[in-house]
N, C-alpha and C. Protein backbone atom coordinates (compact mmCIF):
# COMPACT_ATOMS: atom_id res chain seq x y z
N MET A 1 0.85 -1.19 0.00
CA MET A 1 0.00 0.00 0.00
C MET A 1 0.88 1.24 0.00
N PRO A 2 0.61 2.20 -0.90
CA PRO A 2 1.43 3.41 -0.95
C PRO A 2 1.27 4.25 0.32
N ASP A 3 2.30 5.01 0.61
CA ASP A 3 2.26 5.93 1.75
C ASP A 3 1.12 6.93 1.54
N PRO A 4 0.20 7.08 2.53
CA PRO A 4 -0.93 8.00 2.35
C PRO A 4 -0.51 9.42 2.03
N ALA A 5 0.67 9.81 2.46
CA ALA A 5 1.12 11.18 2.19
C ALA A 5 1.54 11.35 0.73
N ASN A 6 1.73 10.26 0.01
CA ASN A 6 2.20 10.33 -1.37
C ASN A 6 1.21 9.74 -2.37
N LYS A 7 -0.07 9.87 -2.13
CA LYS A 7 -1.06 9.33 -3.05
C LYS A 7 -1.06 10.15 -4.34
N LYS A 8 -1.14 9.42 -5.46
CA LYS A 8 -1.16 10.08 -6.77
C LYS A 8 -2.30 9.50 -7.59
N LEU A 9 -3.03 10.40 -8.23
CA LEU A 9 -4.14 10.02 -9.09
C LEU A 9 -3.86 10.50 -10.50
N MET A 10 -3.93 9.59 -11.45
CA MET A 10 -3.81 9.93 -12.87
C MET A 10 -5.21 9.80 -13.47
N ILE A 11 -5.70 10.90 -14.07
CA ILE A 11 -7.00 10.88 -14.74
C ILE A 11 -6.74 10.97 -16.24
N VAL A 12 -7.14 9.92 -16.95
CA VAL A 12 -6.97 9.85 -18.40
C VAL A 12 -8.28 10.28 -19.05
N VAL A 13 -8.20 11.29 -19.89
CA VAL A 13 -9.39 11.82 -20.56
C VAL A 13 -9.24 11.56 -22.06
N SER A 14 -10.18 10.76 -22.61
CA SER A 14 -10.09 10.43 -24.03
C SER A 14 -11.39 10.72 -24.79
N SER A 15 -12.44 11.11 -24.09
CA SER A 15 -13.73 11.40 -24.73
C SER A 15 -13.71 12.77 -25.39
N ASP A 16 -14.50 12.92 -26.43
CA ASP A 16 -14.57 14.18 -27.18
C ASP A 16 -15.43 15.19 -26.42
N PRO A 17 -14.88 16.33 -26.02
CA PRO A 17 -15.65 17.32 -25.26
C PRO A 17 -16.77 17.98 -26.06
N ARG A 18 -16.75 17.83 -27.38
CA ARG A 18 -17.80 18.42 -28.20
C ARG A 18 -19.07 17.57 -28.21
N SER A 19 -18.95 16.29 -27.79
CA SER A 19 -20.12 15.41 -27.83
C SER A 19 -20.37 14.66 -26.53
N SER A 20 -19.50 14.79 -25.55
CA SER A 20 -19.64 14.05 -24.31
C SER A 20 -19.42 14.95 -23.09
N HIS A 21 -20.15 14.65 -22.02
CA HIS A 21 -19.97 15.38 -20.76
C HIS A 21 -18.80 14.83 -19.95
N ARG A 22 -18.25 13.69 -20.33
CA ARG A 22 -17.22 13.01 -19.54
C ARG A 22 -15.94 13.84 -19.34
N PRO A 23 -15.41 14.52 -20.34
CA PRO A 23 -14.22 15.34 -20.08
C PRO A 23 -14.48 16.45 -19.07
N ALA A 24 -15.64 17.09 -19.15
CA ALA A 24 -15.98 18.15 -18.19
C ALA A 24 -16.06 17.58 -16.78
N GLU A 25 -16.64 16.40 -16.66
CA GLU A 25 -16.75 15.76 -15.35
C GLU A 25 -15.37 15.40 -14.80
N ALA A 26 -14.48 14.94 -15.65
CA ALA A 26 -13.12 14.63 -15.21
C ALA A 26 -12.40 15.87 -14.70
N ILE A 27 -12.59 16.98 -15.38
CA ILE A 27 -11.95 18.24 -14.98
C ILE A 27 -12.54 18.75 -13.66
N ARG A 28 -13.86 18.67 -13.52
CA ARG A 28 -14.50 19.07 -12.24
C ARG A 28 -14.01 18.20 -11.09
N LEU A 29 -13.95 16.91 -11.32
CA LEU A 29 -13.47 15.98 -10.30
C LEU A 29 -12.04 16.29 -9.90
N ALA A 30 -11.19 16.50 -10.88
CA ALA A 30 -9.78 16.83 -10.61
C ALA A 30 -9.67 18.11 -9.78
N ALA A 31 -10.43 19.12 -10.14
CA ALA A 31 -10.38 20.39 -9.41
C ALA A 31 -10.82 20.21 -7.96
N GLY A 32 -11.83 19.40 -7.73
CA GLY A 32 -12.29 19.14 -6.38
C GLY A 32 -11.25 18.40 -5.54
N ILE A 33 -10.58 17.45 -6.14
CA ILE A 33 -9.55 16.69 -5.42
C ILE A 33 -8.34 17.56 -5.15
N VAL A 34 -7.97 18.41 -6.10
CA VAL A 34 -6.83 19.31 -5.92
C VAL A 34 -7.09 20.25 -4.74
N ALA A 35 -8.31 20.74 -4.63
CA ALA A 35 -8.64 21.65 -3.54
C ALA A 35 -8.53 20.96 -2.18
N TRP A 36 -8.72 19.66 -2.14
CA TRP A 36 -8.62 18.87 -0.93
C TRP A 36 -7.17 18.77 -0.44
N ARG A 37 -6.21 18.84 -1.35
CA ARG A 37 -4.76 18.85 -1.07
C ARG A 37 -4.24 17.61 -0.37
N LYS A 38 -4.89 16.48 -0.60
CA LYS A 38 -4.43 15.22 0.01
C LYS A 38 -3.91 14.24 -1.03
N VAL A 39 -4.16 14.53 -2.30
CA VAL A 39 -3.78 13.64 -3.39
C VAL A 39 -3.21 14.48 -4.52
N ASP A 40 -2.08 14.05 -5.08
CA ASP A 40 -1.52 14.70 -6.28
C ASP A 40 -2.32 14.23 -7.48
N VAL A 41 -2.85 15.16 -8.25
CA VAL A 41 -3.69 14.82 -9.39
C VAL A 41 -3.01 15.26 -10.68
N THR A 42 -3.02 14.36 -11.66
CA THR A 42 -2.50 14.67 -12.99
C THR A 42 -3.57 14.33 -14.01
N LEU A 43 -3.84 15.25 -14.93
CA LEU A 43 -4.77 14.99 -16.03
C LEU A 43 -3.96 14.71 -17.29
N PHE A 44 -4.35 13.66 -18.03
CA PHE A 44 -3.72 13.30 -19.29
C PHE A 44 -4.79 13.28 -20.36
N PHE A 45 -4.64 14.13 -21.38
CA PHE A 45 -5.59 14.23 -22.48
C PHE A 45 -5.04 13.49 -23.69
N THR A 46 -5.88 12.65 -24.29
CA THR A 46 -5.47 11.89 -25.46
C THR A 46 -6.63 11.79 -26.45
N GLY A 47 -6.32 11.51 -27.70
CA GLY A 47 -7.36 11.38 -28.73
C GLY A 47 -8.16 12.66 -28.88
N PRO A 48 -9.47 12.54 -29.08
CA PRO A 48 -10.30 13.74 -29.28
C PRO A 48 -10.38 14.64 -28.06
N ALA A 49 -10.02 14.14 -26.89
CA ALA A 49 -10.06 14.97 -25.68
C ALA A 49 -9.05 16.10 -25.70
N VAL A 50 -8.06 16.02 -26.56
CA VAL A 50 -7.06 17.08 -26.68
C VAL A 50 -7.72 18.41 -27.04
N ALA A 51 -8.87 18.35 -27.67
CA ALA A 51 -9.60 19.58 -27.99
C ALA A 51 -9.92 20.39 -26.74
N ALA A 52 -9.99 19.73 -25.59
CA ALA A 52 -10.32 20.43 -24.34
C ALA A 52 -9.29 21.50 -23.99
N VAL A 53 -8.06 21.33 -24.40
CA VAL A 53 -7.02 22.31 -24.11
C VAL A 53 -6.61 23.11 -25.34
N ASN A 54 -7.14 22.75 -26.50
CA ASN A 54 -6.72 23.40 -27.73
C ASN A 54 -7.80 24.19 -28.45
N SER A 55 -9.03 24.06 -28.01
CA SER A 55 -10.14 24.70 -28.72
C SER A 55 -10.91 25.63 -27.80
N ASP A 56 -11.68 26.48 -28.40
CA ASP A 56 -12.58 27.35 -27.64
C ASP A 56 -13.67 26.48 -27.03
N ALA A 57 -13.94 26.65 -25.75
CA ALA A 57 -14.86 25.79 -25.01
C ALA A 57 -16.34 26.04 -25.33
N ASP A 58 -16.65 27.04 -26.12
CA ASP A 58 -18.05 27.38 -26.39
C ASP A 58 -18.84 26.23 -27.01
N ASP A 59 -18.18 25.37 -27.77
CA ASP A 59 -18.86 24.27 -28.45
C ASP A 59 -18.88 22.97 -27.63
N PHE A 60 -18.37 23.02 -26.40
CA PHE A 60 -18.27 21.81 -25.59
C PHE A 60 -19.53 21.59 -24.76
N VAL A 61 -19.79 20.31 -24.46
CA VAL A 61 -20.83 19.97 -23.50
C VAL A 61 -20.33 20.43 -22.13
N ASP A 62 -21.15 21.11 -21.35
CA ASP A 62 -20.77 21.67 -20.05
C ASP A 62 -19.58 22.64 -20.18
N ALA A 63 -19.69 23.55 -21.11
CA ALA A 63 -18.59 24.47 -21.45
C ALA A 63 -18.03 25.24 -20.26
N GLU A 64 -18.88 25.61 -19.30
CA GLU A 64 -18.40 26.40 -18.17
C GLU A 64 -17.36 25.67 -17.33
N SER A 65 -17.37 24.35 -17.35
CA SER A 65 -16.39 23.59 -16.57
C SER A 65 -14.96 23.83 -17.07
N TYR A 66 -14.82 24.01 -18.37
CA TYR A 66 -13.48 24.21 -18.94
C TYR A 66 -12.92 25.57 -18.56
N THR A 67 -13.75 26.59 -18.64
CA THR A 67 -13.27 27.94 -18.34
C THR A 67 -13.11 28.15 -16.84
N GLN A 68 -13.88 27.45 -16.04
CA GLN A 68 -13.81 27.63 -14.58
C GLN A 68 -12.75 26.75 -13.93
N TYR A 69 -12.66 25.47 -14.31
CA TYR A 69 -11.82 24.53 -13.57
C TYR A 69 -10.44 24.26 -14.15
N LEU A 70 -10.28 24.33 -15.46
CA LEU A 70 -8.93 24.10 -16.02
C LEU A 70 -7.92 25.12 -15.51
N PRO A 71 -8.25 26.41 -15.49
CA PRO A 71 -7.29 27.38 -14.94
C PRO A 71 -6.98 27.13 -13.45
N LEU A 72 -7.98 26.67 -12.71
CA LEU A 72 -7.78 26.36 -11.30
C LEU A 72 -6.73 25.26 -11.11
N LEU A 73 -6.76 24.27 -11.97
CA LEU A 73 -5.77 23.19 -11.89
C LEU A 73 -4.37 23.72 -12.16
N SER A 74 -4.25 24.58 -13.15
CA SER A 74 -2.95 25.18 -13.47
C SER A 74 -2.45 26.05 -12.33
N GLU A 75 -3.36 26.81 -11.72
CA GLU A 75 -2.98 27.69 -10.61
C GLU A 75 -2.46 26.90 -9.41
N HIS A 76 -2.96 25.69 -9.22
CA HIS A 76 -2.50 24.84 -8.13
C HIS A 76 -1.25 24.03 -8.53
N GLY A 77 -0.71 24.31 -9.70
CA GLY A 77 0.52 23.66 -10.13
C GLY A 77 0.35 22.21 -10.54
N ARG A 78 -0.87 21.82 -10.87
CA ARG A 78 -1.11 20.44 -11.28
C ARG A 78 -0.81 20.31 -12.76
N PRO A 79 -0.09 19.27 -13.13
CA PRO A 79 0.28 19.11 -14.54
C PRO A 79 -0.91 18.71 -15.41
N LEU A 80 -1.01 19.35 -16.55
CA LEU A 80 -1.95 18.96 -17.59
C LEU A 80 -1.10 18.38 -18.70
N LEU A 81 -1.25 17.09 -18.93
CA LEU A 81 -0.42 16.39 -19.90
C LEU A 81 -1.23 16.09 -21.15
N VAL A 82 -0.56 16.18 -22.30
CA VAL A 82 -1.21 15.92 -23.59
C VAL A 82 -0.39 14.88 -24.34
N ASP A 83 -1.09 13.91 -24.89
CA ASP A 83 -0.47 12.84 -25.68
C ASP A 83 0.18 13.44 -26.92
N SER A 84 1.47 13.17 -27.10
CA SER A 84 2.18 13.74 -28.26
C SER A 84 1.63 13.23 -29.58
N GLU A 85 1.02 12.05 -29.59
CA GLU A 85 0.44 11.52 -30.82
C GLU A 85 -0.89 12.18 -31.17
N SER A 86 -1.48 12.88 -30.22
CA SER A 86 -2.77 13.54 -30.45
C SER A 86 -2.61 15.05 -30.52
N GLN A 87 -1.42 15.53 -30.36
CA GLN A 87 -1.14 16.96 -30.16
C GLN A 87 -1.17 17.76 -31.46
N PRO A 88 -2.09 18.73 -31.57
CA PRO A 88 -2.01 19.68 -32.68
C PRO A 88 -0.90 20.71 -32.42
N PRO A 89 -0.64 21.60 -33.32
CA PRO A 89 0.42 22.58 -33.12
C PRO A 89 0.25 23.35 -31.82
N PRO A 90 1.36 23.59 -31.07
CA PRO A 90 1.27 24.24 -29.78
C PRO A 90 0.66 25.63 -29.81
N SER A 91 0.70 26.30 -30.94
CA SER A 91 0.17 27.65 -31.02
C SER A 91 -1.35 27.67 -30.81
N THR A 92 -2.00 26.51 -30.91
CA THR A 92 -3.45 26.47 -30.74
C THR A 92 -3.86 26.22 -29.29
N GLN A 93 -2.90 25.93 -28.41
CA GLN A 93 -3.25 25.67 -27.01
C GLN A 93 -3.76 26.93 -26.34
N ARG A 94 -4.86 26.79 -25.60
CA ARG A 94 -5.40 27.93 -24.86
C ARG A 94 -5.03 27.87 -23.40
N ILE A 95 -4.42 26.78 -22.96
CA ILE A 95 -3.96 26.64 -21.58
C ILE A 95 -2.64 25.87 -21.60
N GLU A 96 -1.75 26.19 -20.69
CA GLU A 96 -0.42 25.58 -20.71
C GLU A 96 -0.48 24.09 -20.37
N CYS A 97 0.14 23.28 -21.22
CA CYS A 97 0.19 21.84 -21.05
C CYS A 97 1.59 21.34 -21.34
N ASN A 98 1.87 20.14 -20.87
CA ASN A 98 3.12 19.47 -21.20
C ASN A 98 2.80 18.33 -22.15
N THR A 99 3.46 18.30 -23.27
CA THR A 99 3.27 17.22 -24.23
C THR A 99 4.21 16.08 -23.85
N ILE A 100 3.66 14.87 -23.75
CA ILE A 100 4.50 13.71 -23.39
C ILE A 100 4.24 12.56 -24.36
N SER A 101 5.23 11.68 -24.47
CA SER A 101 5.12 10.51 -25.33
C SER A 101 4.32 9.43 -24.60
N ARG A 102 3.95 8.39 -25.33
CA ARG A 102 3.25 7.27 -24.70
C ARG A 102 4.14 6.60 -23.66
N GLN A 103 5.43 6.50 -23.93
CA GLN A 103 6.36 5.89 -22.96
C GLN A 103 6.37 6.70 -21.67
N GLN A 104 6.40 8.01 -21.79
CA GLN A 104 6.36 8.86 -20.60
C GLN A 104 5.03 8.70 -19.86
N PHE A 105 3.95 8.57 -20.63
CA PHE A 105 2.64 8.35 -20.01
C PHE A 105 2.65 7.05 -19.21
N TYR A 106 3.20 5.99 -19.79
CA TYR A 106 3.24 4.70 -19.10
C TYR A 106 4.01 4.82 -17.79
N ALA A 107 5.09 5.57 -17.79
CA ALA A 107 5.87 5.76 -16.57
C ALA A 107 5.06 6.55 -15.53
N GLU A 108 4.38 7.61 -15.98
CA GLU A 108 3.55 8.42 -15.07
C GLU A 108 2.41 7.58 -14.51
N ALA A 109 1.75 6.82 -15.36
CA ALA A 109 0.62 5.99 -14.92
C ALA A 109 1.11 4.90 -13.96
N GLY A 110 2.30 4.35 -14.21
CA GLY A 110 2.86 3.33 -13.33
C GLY A 110 3.19 3.86 -11.95
N ALA A 111 3.50 5.15 -11.86
CA ALA A 111 3.83 5.76 -10.57
C ALA A 111 2.58 6.21 -9.80
N ALA A 112 1.43 6.17 -10.46
CA ALA A 112 0.18 6.62 -9.81
C ALA A 112 -0.36 5.56 -8.86
N SER A 113 -0.93 6.02 -7.76
CA SER A 113 -1.60 5.12 -6.82
C SER A 113 -2.95 4.69 -7.37
N TYR A 114 -3.59 5.60 -8.13
CA TYR A 114 -4.92 5.36 -8.68
C TYR A 114 -4.97 5.88 -10.11
N LEU A 115 -5.82 5.22 -10.93
CA LEU A 115 -5.98 5.62 -12.31
C LEU A 115 -7.48 5.64 -12.63
N MET A 116 -7.95 6.73 -13.23
CA MET A 116 -9.34 6.84 -13.67
C MET A 116 -9.36 7.20 -15.14
N ARG A 117 -10.39 6.74 -15.83
CA ARG A 117 -10.49 7.05 -17.25
C ARG A 117 -11.88 7.61 -17.57
N PHE A 118 -11.88 8.69 -18.32
CA PHE A 118 -13.12 9.34 -18.74
C PHE A 118 -13.16 9.45 -20.25
């Protein structure tokens, strides 16, 4: 069992924010856990979910979650990771993210105490 002081949660977001509420729910959940300050939370966006950090949120299901909670995660210093295989040009990002390879993702996920997928 991992040390309770070092709990880490990796949230993998792969659903399309233009047609699903799941990415917004993942972001809301992450923001709530970050505010609790008992678990390190990392969000990883892959596939169509990359639009959540690269597009204007007006066309998303539950659009207010993106404008309200994504900046909160960044302010708390929580990493927002983007799959390098899904990554459009960096100039289109509307929020700061770190692009990582699948190998880096596997290492991050392996170090997590918990993993959730949306």
